Every structure is written in structure tokens, then in C-alpha cells.
Amino acid sequence: MSDAQQRIDDLVKNSEVLLFMKGNASFPMCGFSGRAIQILKACGVDPKQLRTVNVLEDDGIRRASRNTATGRPSRSCTSRASSSAAPTS
């Protein structure tokens, strides 16, 4: 497992709700990221539980989050409830 993959794994395991996005919750830097924040708020996610990772600030995480089949970024949001049910590779 690469360093970036290990950091992603640690972030997922140690966050109630985690969103990999462009920008942050206060300043989303693309429409998808802004919409994702709106949806999480509409679903009642407590802002104190929400952790965001700005993929534009961390090249390793940005590269590791790319879909290997398409080379395009994977848009990712996870919570402890969903990550426990997610398949492992």
C-alpha cells in the first residue's frame, strides 16, 4: 500500500463523515463539491462530524483517488456506516 493509500485508509477509519473534494466545506471549488456539501447538510450531517480533504492541496491523495480504469478522479464521500459495509480489496 502506498503512503497516500495508507493516509486515505487512516482518514476513512478515523472520520465520522469524510468528503474528498475540491476546496473545503466553507469554500467548495467546483459545482460537484458544492452540491455534495449541500446534500450532506440537507441530510442532517452535523458540521462537527464532517471532515473534508482538499484534493487540490495533496497531490498524493489526488492521484491515489483517481479511478484506475478511467484515469478520472473518483468522487468520494464516506461515513463510518457506509465504510463498514463497503467491499474491501
C-alpha atoms as a PDB file:
ATOM      1  CA  MET A   1       0.000   0.000   0.000  1.00  0.00           C
ATOM      2  CA  SER A   2       1.414   3.406  -0.967  1.00  0.00           C
ATOM      3  CA  ASP A   3       1.824   6.237   1.526  1.00  0.00           C
ATOM      4  CA  ALA A   4      -1.146   8.097   0.001  1.00  0.00           C
ATOM      5  CA  GLN A   5      -3.325   4.987   0.109  1.00  0.00           C
ATOM      6  CA  GLN A   6      -2.372   4.478   3.763  1.00  0.00           C
ATOM      7  CA  ARG A   7      -3.282   8.112   4.555  1.00  0.00           C
ATOM      8  CA  ILE A   8      -6.639   7.654   2.799  1.00  0.00           C
ATOM      9  CA  ASP A   9      -7.260   4.455   4.751  1.00  0.00           C
ATOM     10  CA  ASP A  10      -6.442   6.228   8.033  1.00  0.00           C
ATOM     11  CA  LEU A  11      -8.681   9.187   7.151  1.00  0.00           C
ATOM     12  CA  VAL A  12     -11.614   6.900   6.346  1.00  0.00           C
ATOM     13  CA  LYS A  13     -11.184   4.852   9.519  1.00  0.00           C
ATOM     14  CA  ASN A  14     -10.867   7.913  11.775  1.00  0.00           C
ATOM     15  CA  SER A  15     -13.639  10.151  10.427  1.00  0.00           C
ATOM     16  CA  GLU A  16     -17.377  10.089  11.126  1.00  0.00           C
ATOM     17  CA  VAL A  17     -18.167  11.583   7.707  1.00  0.00           C
ATOM     18  CA  LEU A  18     -15.425  12.218   5.170  1.00  0.00           C
ATOM     19  CA  LEU A  19     -15.602  14.002   1.819  1.00  0.00           C
ATOM     20  CA  PHE A  20     -12.742  14.141  -0.661  1.00  0.00           C
ATOM     21  CA  MET A  21     -13.428  17.307  -2.603  1.00  0.00           C
ATOM     22  CA  LYS A  22     -12.015  20.324  -4.387  1.00  0.00           C
ATOM     23  CA  GLY A  23     -11.826  23.048  -1.749  1.00  0.00           C
ATOM     24  CA  ASN A  24     -13.402  22.716   1.682  1.00  0.00           C
ATOM     25  CA  ALA A  25     -16.857  22.891   3.247  1.00  0.00           C
ATOM     26  CA  SER A  26     -16.646  26.672   3.623  1.00  0.00           C
ATOM     27  CA  PHE A  27     -15.270  27.262   0.121  1.00  0.00           C
ATOM     28  CA  PRO A  28     -16.041  24.482  -2.383  1.00  0.00           C
ATOM     29  CA  MET A  29     -14.039  24.969  -5.594  1.00  0.00           C
ATOM     30  CA  CYS A  30     -16.322  23.171  -8.051  1.00  0.00           C
ATOM     31  CA  GLY A  31     -20.025  22.578  -8.560  1.00  0.00           C
ATOM     32  CA  PHE A  32     -19.910  18.915  -7.581  1.00  0.00           C
ATOM     33  CA  SER A  33     -18.146  19.691  -4.293  1.00  0.00           C
ATOM     34  CA  GLY A  34     -20.607  22.472  -3.504  1.00  0.00           C
ATOM     35  CA  ARG A  35     -23.561  20.207  -4.241  1.00  0.00           C
ATOM     36  CA  ALA A  36     -22.100  17.400  -2.113  1.00  0.00           C
ATOM     37  CA  ILE A  37     -21.823  19.778   0.868  1.00  0.00           C
ATOM     38  CA  GLN A  38     -25.430  20.937   0.324  1.00  0.00           C
ATOM     39  CA  ILE A  39     -26.653  17.344   0.214  1.00  0.00           C
ATOM     40  CA  LEU A  40     -24.819  16.393   3.394  1.00  0.00           C
ATOM     41  CA  LYS A  41     -26.281  19.424   5.194  1.00  0.00           C
ATOM     42  CA  ALA A  42     -29.774  18.618   3.870  1.00  0.00           C
ATOM     43  CA  CYS A  43     -29.375  15.061   5.192  1.00  0.00           C
ATOM     44  CA  GLY A  44     -28.673  16.446   8.649  1.00  0.00           C
ATOM     45  CA  VAL A  45     -24.948  15.747   8.831  1.00  0.00           C
ATOM     46  CA  ASP A  46     -23.536  17.615  11.812  1.00  0.00           C
ATOM     47  CA  PRO A  47     -20.840  20.027  10.551  1.00  0.00           C
ATOM     48  CA  LYS A  48     -18.706  18.969  13.531  1.00  0.00           C
ATOM     49  CA  GLN A  49     -18.723  15.387  12.209  1.00  0.00           C
ATOM     50  CA  LEU A  50     -17.915  16.362   8.612  1.00  0.00           C
ATOM     51  CA  ARG A  51     -14.269  16.168   7.642  1.00  0.00           C
ATOM     52  CA  THR A  52     -13.158  17.305   4.212  1.00  0.00           C
ATOM     53  CA  VAL A  53      -9.930  16.668   2.337  1.00  0.00           C
ATOM     54  CA  ASN A  54      -8.984  19.176  -0.351  1.00  0.00           C
ATOM     55  CA  VAL A  55      -7.570  17.003  -3.119  1.00  0.00           C
ATOM     56  CA  LEU A  56      -6.097  20.097  -4.791  1.00  0.00           C
ATOM     57  CA  GLU A  57      -3.719  20.560  -1.852  1.00  0.00           C
ATOM     58  CA  ASP A  58      -2.441  16.978  -1.680  1.00  0.00           C
ATOM     59  CA  ASP A  59      -1.093  15.577  -4.936  1.00  0.00           C
ATOM     60  CA  GLY A  60      -0.582  12.104  -3.457  1.00  0.00           C
ATOM     61  CA  ILE A  61      -4.188  11.789  -2.340  1.00  0.00           C
ATOM     62  CA  ARG A  62      -5.426  13.327  -5.599  1.00  0.00           C
ATOM     63  CA  ARG A  63      -3.503  10.730  -7.613  1.00  0.00           C
ATOM     64  CA  ALA A  64      -4.487   7.843  -5.336  1.00  0.00           C
ATOM     65  CA  SER A  65      -8.171   8.795  -5.568  1.00  0.00           C
ATOM     66  CA  ARG A  66      -8.216   8.532  -9.372  1.00  0.00           C
ATOM     67  CA  ASN A  67     -10.220   5.714 -10.862  1.00  0.00           C
ATOM     68  CA  THR A  68      -7.604   3.357 -12.279  1.00  0.00           C
ATOM     69  CA  ALA A  69      -9.899   2.196 -15.085  1.00  0.00           C
ATOM     70  CA  THR A  70     -10.633   5.672 -16.488  1.00  0.00           C
ATOM     71  CA  GLY A  71      -7.839   7.848 -15.095  1.00  0.00           C
ATOM     72  CA  ARG A  72     -10.523  10.293 -13.975  1.00  0.00           C
ATOM     73  CA  PRO A  73     -10.945  11.415 -10.360  1.00  0.00           C
ATOM     74  CA  SER A  74     -13.264   9.355  -8.213  1.00  0.00           C
ATOM     75  CA  ARG A  75     -15.706  11.461  -6.273  1.00  0.00           C
ATOM     76  CA  SER A  76     -15.788  10.114  -2.775  1.00  0.00           C
ATOM     77  CA  CYS A  77     -17.762  10.542   0.370  1.00  0.00           C
ATOM     78  CA  THR A  78     -17.855   8.004   3.133  1.00  0.00           C
ATOM     79  CA  SER A  79     -19.203   7.614   6.628  1.00  0.00           C
ATOM     80  CA  ARG A  80     -18.432   5.006   9.236  1.00  0.00           C
ATOM     81  CA  ALA A  81     -21.763   3.355   8.475  1.00  0.00           C
ATOM     82  CA  SER A  82     -21.076   3.126   4.742  1.00  0.00           C
ATOM     83  CA  SER A  83     -17.379   2.256   5.050  1.00  0.00           C
ATOM     84  CA  SER A  84     -18.127  -0.728   7.259  1.00  0.00           C
ATOM     85  CA  ALA A  85     -20.406  -2.121   4.548  1.00  0.00           C
ATOM     86  CA  ALA A  86     -18.054  -1.332   1.666  1.00  0.00           C
ATOM     87  CA  PRO A  87     -16.238  -4.202  -0.002  1.00  0.00           C
ATOM     88  CA  THR A  88     -12.541  -4.466   0.715  1.00  0.00           C
ATOM     89  CA  SER A  89      -9.910  -5.037  -1.918  1.00  0.00           C
END
